[in-house]
């Protein structure tokens, strides 16, 4: 009986209820923005660990001189950093002082040398990126999926299983192109260690540093360099489009099967559990498969040589990574990427669907 019920759910095309399809675009965007805000704060330390490991493999130096400071009960962790300049006593860092050996080692060394709050470095960029990106991405995916499923169900039912793959790819491409410069700023904020005391540069100052790092740069050169804000977009799309296609084509069948076991009258807890479970599995699988493309994206975004950055392509970057580190190089940072993406997708999708569920049930039913 149970097997028959699962089979019937798998063979039945997923057409959302009328109340869901009638949700306004601002309601969908609000649901997605809340999900993105929550996810960005929770998983940001894993994003920092992944970016540091990938930047280290790309050759970003994390060595320097260590300040000869002793721990006291009133010493702040961010006061114990290196390298330093000036008259303060310093000594060469011992071997391995700044060599990251894994995710937990990144957490330990960033906390010890830069301060606990540096694990949330780039959170402002993550929020500035995640809220509009997911606010575009999730509603667009919903709308495209509904339109495509309605069309394929009436005309080409055999293509209905491929609708999530196509809708997810198109929606993700549109979201990435819209907000790419902020993604570039976030990667650079997380990759490079701040050695000066005081407040580190935010999103705007990071982007200004990308456009004209030299104070003597002329206005014409600065305007020409604004195109640098979009270098690496191809690598971003080559990672995110397959990620989205794999994620949604995996998530939708799992979600349908779980909700099919619950029945038509699913509670908010059932919606939360089904969507988080499906999102966790789909995000974990998609992030593991697309890790080499993520490594290439990071390497292109942290390149400081403007001429080299403009001439780099995703293919040549992948060849360079393979030459330097073989398979291990291609999957640098796969641990924190997988541990980040699984919960992140689960949180975003489940929060988004629960808020939609609440909006639907709060709306008065028409007789």
Protein backbone atom coordinates (compact mmCIF):
# COMPACT_ATOMS: atom_id res chain seq x y z
CA UNK A 1 0.00 0.00 0.00
CA UNK A 2 2.83 2.38 0.92
CA UNK A 3 4.77 1.54 -2.25
CA UNK A 4 1.65 2.13 -4.36
CA UNK A 5 1.19 5.56 -2.76
CA UNK A 6 4.82 6.58 -3.42
CA UNK A 7 4.59 5.41 -7.03
CA UNK A 8 1.41 7.37 -7.64
CA UNK A 9 3.03 10.51 -6.24
CA UNK A 10 6.10 10.10 -8.46
CA UNK A 11 4.01 9.65 -11.60
CA UNK A 12 1.71 12.58 -10.81
CA UNK A 13 2.97 15.96 -12.12
CA UNK A 14 3.51 18.61 -9.47
CA UNK A 15 0.93 21.34 -9.92
CA UNK A 16 0.81 23.79 -7.06
CA UNK A 17 -2.44 24.73 -5.41
CA UNK A 18 -4.32 27.76 -6.62
CA UNK A 19 -3.53 29.76 -3.49
CA UNK A 20 0.17 29.17 -4.08
CA UNK A 21 0.13 30.23 -7.72
CA UNK A 22 -1.77 33.36 -6.74
CA UNK A 23 0.87 34.53 -4.27
CA UNK A 24 2.03 38.01 -5.23
CA UNK A 25 5.63 38.56 -6.30
CA UNK A 26 6.33 40.75 -3.24
CA UNK A 27 5.10 37.97 -0.94
CA UNK A 28 7.43 35.49 -2.62
CA UNK A 29 10.32 37.97 -2.44
CA UNK A 30 9.66 38.61 1.27
CA UNK A 31 9.72 34.89 1.99
CA UNK A 32 12.95 34.41 0.05
CA UNK A 33 14.67 37.45 1.60
CA UNK A 34 13.94 36.23 5.13
CA UNK A 35 15.33 32.81 4.28
CA UNK A 36 18.49 34.32 2.77
CA UNK A 37 19.06 36.57 5.80
CA UNK A 38 18.85 33.64 8.22
CA UNK A 39 21.05 31.36 6.12
CA UNK A 40 23.78 33.95 5.47
CA UNK A 41 24.36 34.57 9.18
CA UNK A 42 24.39 30.91 10.23
CA UNK A 43 26.73 29.46 7.59
CA UNK A 44 29.13 32.40 7.05
CA UNK A 45 32.04 30.87 9.07
CA UNK A 46 32.00 27.84 6.76
CA UNK A 47 32.11 30.19 3.78
CA UNK A 48 35.18 31.91 5.26
CA UNK A 49 36.89 28.53 5.84
CA UNK A 50 36.18 27.38 2.28
CA UNK A 51 37.44 30.63 0.74
CA UNK A 52 40.63 30.69 2.87
CA UNK A 53 41.51 27.12 1.93
CA UNK A 54 40.93 27.80 -1.77
CA UNK A 55 42.84 31.09 -1.67
CA UNK A 56 45.77 29.40 0.10
CA UNK A 57 45.87 26.74 -2.63
CA UNK A 58 45.88 29.55 -5.22
CA UNK A 59 49.00 31.05 -3.65
CA UNK A 60 47.64 33.81 -1.42
CA UNK A 61 50.33 34.32 1.27
CA UNK A 62 49.23 34.07 4.87
CA UNK A 63 52.73 34.26 6.39
CA UNK A 64 54.19 37.16 8.36
CA UNK A 65 55.73 38.24 11.66
CA UNK A 66 54.09 37.39 14.95
CA UNK A 67 53.64 39.96 17.66
CA UNK A 68 55.23 38.93 20.93
CA UNK A 69 52.09 39.37 22.96
CA UNK A 70 51.13 37.25 25.93
CA UNK A 71 47.58 36.33 26.79
CA UNK A 72 46.07 38.04 29.80
CA UNK A 73 42.57 37.92 31.15
CA UNK A 74 41.80 41.32 29.62
CA UNK A 75 43.50 40.72 26.25
CA UNK A 76 41.19 40.73 23.28
CA UNK A 77 41.74 38.05 20.66
CA UNK A 78 41.83 40.66 17.88
CA UNK A 79 44.81 42.32 19.62
CA UNK A 80 46.84 39.16 19.06
CA UNK A 81 47.45 39.41 15.33
CA UNK A 82 50.33 39.27 12.95
CA UNK A 83 52.06 40.61 10.95
CA UNK A 84 52.42 44.06 12.52
CA UNK A 85 54.48 47.11 11.73
CA UNK A 86 56.01 49.90 13.73
CA UNK A 87 58.05 49.69 16.91
CA UNK A 88 56.14 46.76 18.40
CA UNK A 89 58.32 43.71 18.95
CA UNK A 90 57.81 40.95 16.41
CA UNK A 91 59.36 37.65 15.46
CA UNK A 92 59.10 35.37 12.44
CA UNK A 93 56.09 33.09 12.57
CA UNK A 94 56.95 29.45 13.24
CA UNK A 95 56.50 26.99 10.43
CA UNK A 96 52.81 26.34 9.83
CA UNK A 97 51.64 29.39 11.80
CA UNK A 98 49.37 30.47 8.96
CA UNK A 99 49.16 27.27 6.97
CA UNK A 100 45.56 26.14 7.08
CA UNK A 101 45.24 22.36 7.30
CA UNK A 102 41.48 22.01 7.28
CA UNK A 103 38.18 23.57 8.26
CA UNK A 104 38.67 23.37 12.03
CA UNK A 105 42.23 24.65 11.65
CA UNK A 106 40.91 27.71 9.80
CA UNK A 107 38.43 28.35 12.61
CA UNK A 108 41.18 28.04 15.24
CA UNK A 109 43.79 30.20 13.50
CA UNK A 110 41.40 32.92 12.36
CA UNK A 111 40.00 33.16 15.89
CA UNK A 112 43.45 33.15 17.50
CA UNK A 113 45.20 35.61 15.19
CA UNK A 114 42.37 37.82 13.94
CA UNK A 115 39.55 37.51 16.42
CA UNK A 116 36.37 35.47 16.73
CA UNK A 117 34.31 38.04 14.83
CA UNK A 118 36.50 37.57 11.72
CA UNK A 119 34.71 34.25 11.16
CA UNK A 120 31.81 36.45 10.10
CA UNK A 121 34.01 38.52 7.77
CA UNK A 122 32.00 39.29 4.66
CA UNK A 123 28.63 38.85 6.36
CA UNK A 124 27.62 42.36 5.26
CA UNK A 125 28.42 41.37 1.67
CA UNK A 126 26.66 38.02 2.14
CA UNK A 127 23.52 39.80 3.32
CA UNK A 128 23.80 42.47 0.63
CA UNK A 129 24.15 39.64 -1.87
CA UNK A 130 21.87 36.96 -0.47
CA UNK A 131 18.76 39.04 0.16
CA UNK A 132 18.41 40.48 -3.38
CA UNK A 133 19.84 37.38 -5.09
CA UNK A 134 17.56 34.89 -3.34
CA UNK A 135 14.76 37.45 -3.46
CA UNK A 136 15.10 37.27 -7.25
CA UNK A 137 16.05 33.61 -7.53
CA UNK A 138 13.34 31.83 -5.54
CA UNK A 139 10.31 33.77 -6.84
CA UNK A 140 11.61 33.50 -10.43
CA UNK A 141 12.08 29.76 -10.00
CA UNK A 142 8.54 29.41 -8.61
CA UNK A 143 6.97 31.42 -11.43
CA UNK A 144 8.98 29.72 -14.20
CA UNK A 145 8.31 26.26 -12.79
CA UNK A 146 4.57 26.89 -12.57
CA UNK A 147 4.41 28.22 -16.13
CA UNK A 148 6.56 25.42 -17.56
CA UNK A 149 4.73 22.66 -15.71
CA UNK A 150 1.38 23.98 -16.87
CA UNK A 151 2.63 24.08 -20.48
CA UNK A 152 4.35 20.67 -20.48
CA UNK A 153 1.44 18.96 -18.71
CA UNK A 154 -0.92 20.06 -21.45
CA UNK A 155 1.40 19.61 -24.44
CA UNK A 156 4.46 17.44 -23.68
CA UNK A 157 3.98 15.46 -20.44
CA UNK A 158 7.22 13.54 -21.00
CA UNK A 159 9.22 16.75 -20.44
CA UNK A 160 7.62 17.61 -17.09
CA UNK A 161 10.38 15.92 -14.98
CA UNK A 162 12.95 18.24 -16.59
CA UNK A 163 11.10 21.43 -15.68
CA UNK A 164 12.92 21.99 -12.31
CA UNK A 165 16.30 21.65 -14.04
CA UNK A 166 15.52 24.26 -16.69
CA UNK A 167 13.63 26.66 -14.41
CA UNK A 168 16.38 26.55 -11.77
CA UNK A 169 19.11 27.21 -14.35
CA UNK A 170 17.36 30.21 -15.90
CA UNK A 171 16.40 31.74 -12.53
CA UNK A 172 19.91 31.33 -11.12
CA UNK A 173 21.53 32.88 -14.20
CA UNK A 174 19.34 35.97 -13.90
CA UNK A 175 20.06 36.32 -10.17
CA UNK A 176 23.85 35.93 -10.61
CA UNK A 177 24.12 38.50 -13.39
CA UNK A 178 22.08 41.02 -11.38
CA UNK A 179 24.23 40.96 -8.23
CA UNK A 180 27.68 39.76 -9.33
CA UNK A 181 29.88 42.69 -8.12
CA UNK A 182 28.76 42.09 -4.53
CA UNK A 183 29.71 38.40 -4.90
CA UNK A 184 33.17 39.52 -6.03
CA UNK A 185 33.48 41.79 -2.98
CA UNK A 186 32.44 39.00 -0.60
CA UNK A 187 35.04 36.56 -1.94
CA UNK A 188 37.84 39.12 -1.64
CA UNK A 189 36.74 40.19 1.84
CA UNK A 190 36.84 36.58 3.05
CA UNK A 191 40.03 35.55 1.24
CA UNK A 192 42.45 38.25 2.38
CA UNK A 193 43.54 38.61 5.99
CA UNK A 194 43.32 42.10 7.51
CA UNK A 195 46.63 43.00 9.15
CA UNK A 196 45.85 46.60 10.16
CA UNK A 197 44.06 47.48 13.35
CA UNK A 198 40.72 49.22 13.13
CA UNK A 199 37.59 48.55 11.16
CA UNK A 200 38.19 46.44 8.02
CA UNK A 201 36.90 47.75 4.68
CA UNK A 202 33.32 47.00 3.83
CA UNK A 203 31.66 46.13 0.54
CA UNK A 204 31.92 49.59 -1.01
CA UNK A 205 35.59 50.16 -0.10
CA UNK A 206 36.48 46.65 -1.26
CA UNK A 207 34.90 47.31 -4.66
CA UNK A 208 36.66 50.69 -4.91
CA UNK A 209 39.94 48.94 -4.17
CA UNK A 210 39.23 46.51 -6.99
CA UNK A 211 38.48 49.27 -9.49
CA UNK A 212 41.38 51.64 -8.71
CA UNK A 213 43.92 50.21 -6.24
CA UNK A 214 46.41 52.98 -7.10
CA UNK A 215 45.64 56.50 -5.92
CA UNK A 216 47.32 57.95 -8.99
CA UNK A 217 44.94 56.23 -11.38
CA UNK A 218 43.35 58.64 -13.84
CA UNK A 219 39.57 58.97 -14.20
CA UNK A 220 39.69 57.38 -17.67
CA UNK A 221 41.63 54.39 -16.36
CA UNK A 222 39.20 54.04 -13.43
CA UNK A 223 36.19 54.02 -15.76
CA UNK A 224 37.92 51.43 -17.94
CA UNK A 225 38.62 49.28 -14.89
CA UNK A 226 34.97 49.17 -13.84
CA UNK A 227 34.61 46.25 -16.23
CA UNK A 228 36.88 44.37 -13.84
CA UNK A 229 33.91 44.18 -11.44
CA UNK A 230 32.38 41.67 -13.86
CA UNK A 231 35.45 39.55 -14.56
CA UNK A 232 34.87 36.01 -13.38
CA UNK A 233 31.15 36.18 -14.12
CA UNK A 234 31.57 33.26 -16.52
CA UNK A 235 33.12 31.18 -13.75
CA UNK A 236 30.30 32.17 -11.41
CA UNK A 237 27.66 31.10 -13.94
CA UNK A 238 29.54 27.90 -14.81
CA UNK A 239 29.33 26.99 -11.11
CA UNK A 240 25.88 28.25 -10.16
CA UNK A 241 23.90 27.09 -13.20
CA UNK A 242 24.92 23.41 -12.88
CA UNK A 243 24.56 23.68 -9.08
CA UNK A 244 21.01 24.97 -9.44
CA UNK A 245 20.11 22.41 -12.11
CA UNK A 246 21.40 19.49 -10.00
CA UNK A 247 19.91 20.91 -6.80
CA UNK A 248 16.35 21.43 -8.06
CA UNK A 249 16.19 18.24 -10.13
CA UNK A 250 17.18 16.36 -6.96
CA UNK A 251 15.12 18.39 -4.49
CA UNK A 252 11.74 18.29 -6.23
CA UNK A 253 11.31 14.47 -6.37
CA UNK A 254 12.43 14.07 -2.74
CA UNK A 255 10.11 16.84 -1.57
CA UNK A 256 7.13 15.44 -3.51
CA UNK A 257 7.65 11.94 -2.12
CA UNK A 258 7.91 13.13 1.49
CA UNK A 259 4.88 15.40 1.21
CA UNK A 260 3.04 12.62 -0.62
CA UNK A 261 3.40 10.40 2.44
CA UNK A 262 1.93 13.16 4.64
CA UNK A 263 -1.07 13.79 2.40
CA UNK A 264 -2.80 16.86 1.05
CA UNK A 265 -3.39 18.48 4.47
CA UNK A 266 0.27 18.95 5.44
CA UNK A 267 1.00 20.95 8.59
CA UNK A 268 3.64 23.68 8.87
CA UNK A 269 5.95 21.21 10.66
CA UNK A 270 5.57 18.69 7.82
CA UNK A 271 6.30 21.39 5.23
CA UNK A 272 9.36 22.47 7.20
CA UNK A 273 10.68 18.93 7.64
CA UNK A 274 10.08 17.84 4.05
CA UNK A 275 11.68 20.92 2.53
CA UNK A 276 14.67 20.99 4.88
CA UNK A 277 15.40 17.29 4.32
CA UNK A 278 15.08 17.59 0.54
CA UNK A 279 17.13 20.80 0.48
CA UNK A 280 19.86 19.33 2.67
CA UNK A 281 20.30 16.27 0.44
CA UNK A 282 20.11 18.26 -2.80
CA UNK A 283 22.49 20.99 -1.60
CA UNK A 284 25.05 18.47 -0.36
CA UNK A 285 25.05 16.55 -3.64
CA UNK A 286 25.14 19.63 -5.88
CA UNK A 287 27.93 21.32 -3.90
CA UNK A 288 30.14 18.23 -3.99
CA UNK A 289 29.75 17.78 -7.75
CA UNK A 290 30.38 21.46 -8.59
CA UNK A 291 33.32 21.97 -6.18
CA UNK A 292 35.97 22.20 -8.98
CA UNK A 293 33.99 25.02 -10.58
CA UNK A 294 33.80 26.77 -7.19
CA UNK A 295 37.60 26.54 -6.84
CA UNK A 296 37.99 28.09 -10.31
CA UNK A 297 35.54 30.87 -9.41
CA UNK A 298 37.44 31.75 -6.25
CA UNK A 299 40.80 31.77 -8.02
CA UNK A 300 39.51 34.13 -10.70
CA UNK A 301 37.90 36.48 -8.19
CA UNK A 302 40.97 36.86 -5.95
CA UNK A 303 43.38 37.55 -8.85
CA UNK A 304 44.88 41.01 -8.24
CA UNK A 305 46.72 41.37 -11.55
CA UNK A 306 44.16 43.15 -13.73
CA UNK A 307 45.71 42.11 -17.04
CA UNK A 308 45.91 38.46 -16.01
CA UNK A 309 42.39 38.53 -14.53
CA UNK A 310 40.89 39.87 -17.75
CA UNK A 311 42.61 37.16 -19.81
CA UNK A 312 41.71 34.23 -17.55
CA UNK A 313 38.96 31.81 -18.57
CA UNK A 314 37.23 29.07 -16.60
CA UNK A 315 38.79 26.35 -18.75
CA UNK A 316 42.36 27.65 -18.43
CA UNK A 317 41.86 28.14 -14.69
CA UNK A 318 40.71 24.53 -14.28
CA UNK A 319 43.73 23.33 -16.26
CA UNK A 320 46.01 25.42 -14.04
CA UNK A 321 44.41 24.00 -10.88
CA UNK A 322 44.78 20.44 -12.20
CA UNK A 323 48.43 21.07 -13.06
CA UNK A 324 49.19 22.47 -9.59
CA UNK A 325 47.22 20.09 -7.38
CA UNK A 326 45.58 17.39 -9.49
CA UNK A 327 42.33 15.99 -8.06
CA UNK A 328 43.09 17.30 -4.59
CA UNK A 329 43.45 20.81 -6.00
CA UNK A 330 40.14 20.62 -7.82
CA UNK A 331 38.35 19.66 -4.60
CA UNK A 332 40.08 22.11 -2.26
CA UNK A 333 37.60 23.24 0.39
CA UNK A 334 35.04 20.58 -0.49
CA UNK A 335 34.46 19.84 3.22
CA UNK A 336 33.33 23.32 4.32
CA UNK A 337 31.54 23.83 0.99
CA UNK A 338 29.44 20.71 1.46
CA UNK A 339 28.82 21.40 5.17
CA UNK A 340 27.78 24.93 4.24
CA UNK A 341 25.62 24.20 1.18
CA UNK A 342 23.55 21.37 2.64
CA UNK A 343 22.20 23.28 5.66
CA UNK A 344 22.06 26.53 3.67
CA UNK A 345 19.82 25.11 0.93
CA UNK A 346 17.74 23.33 3.57
CA UNK A 347 17.27 26.53 5.57
CA UNK A 348 16.48 28.71 2.54
CA UNK A 349 13.98 26.32 0.94
CA UNK A 350 12.23 25.31 4.18
CA UNK A 351 11.97 28.87 5.51
CA UNK A 352 10.73 30.08 2.14
CA UNK A 353 8.05 27.39 1.92
CA UNK A 354 6.94 27.80 5.55
CA UNK A 355 6.49 31.57 5.13
CA UNK A 356 4.52 30.92 1.93
CA UNK A 357 2.43 28.37 3.85
CA UNK A 358 1.76 30.91 6.62
CA UNK A 359 0.79 33.63 4.12
CA UNK A 360 -1.60 31.27 2.33
CA UNK A 361 -3.32 30.19 5.53
CA UNK A 362 -3.47 33.72 6.93
CA UNK A 363 -5.31 34.90 3.84
CA UNK A 364 -9.12 34.65 4.18
CA UNK A 365 -10.59 31.93 2.02
CA UNK A 366 -13.05 32.97 -0.63
CA UNK A 367 -16.39 31.22 -0.62
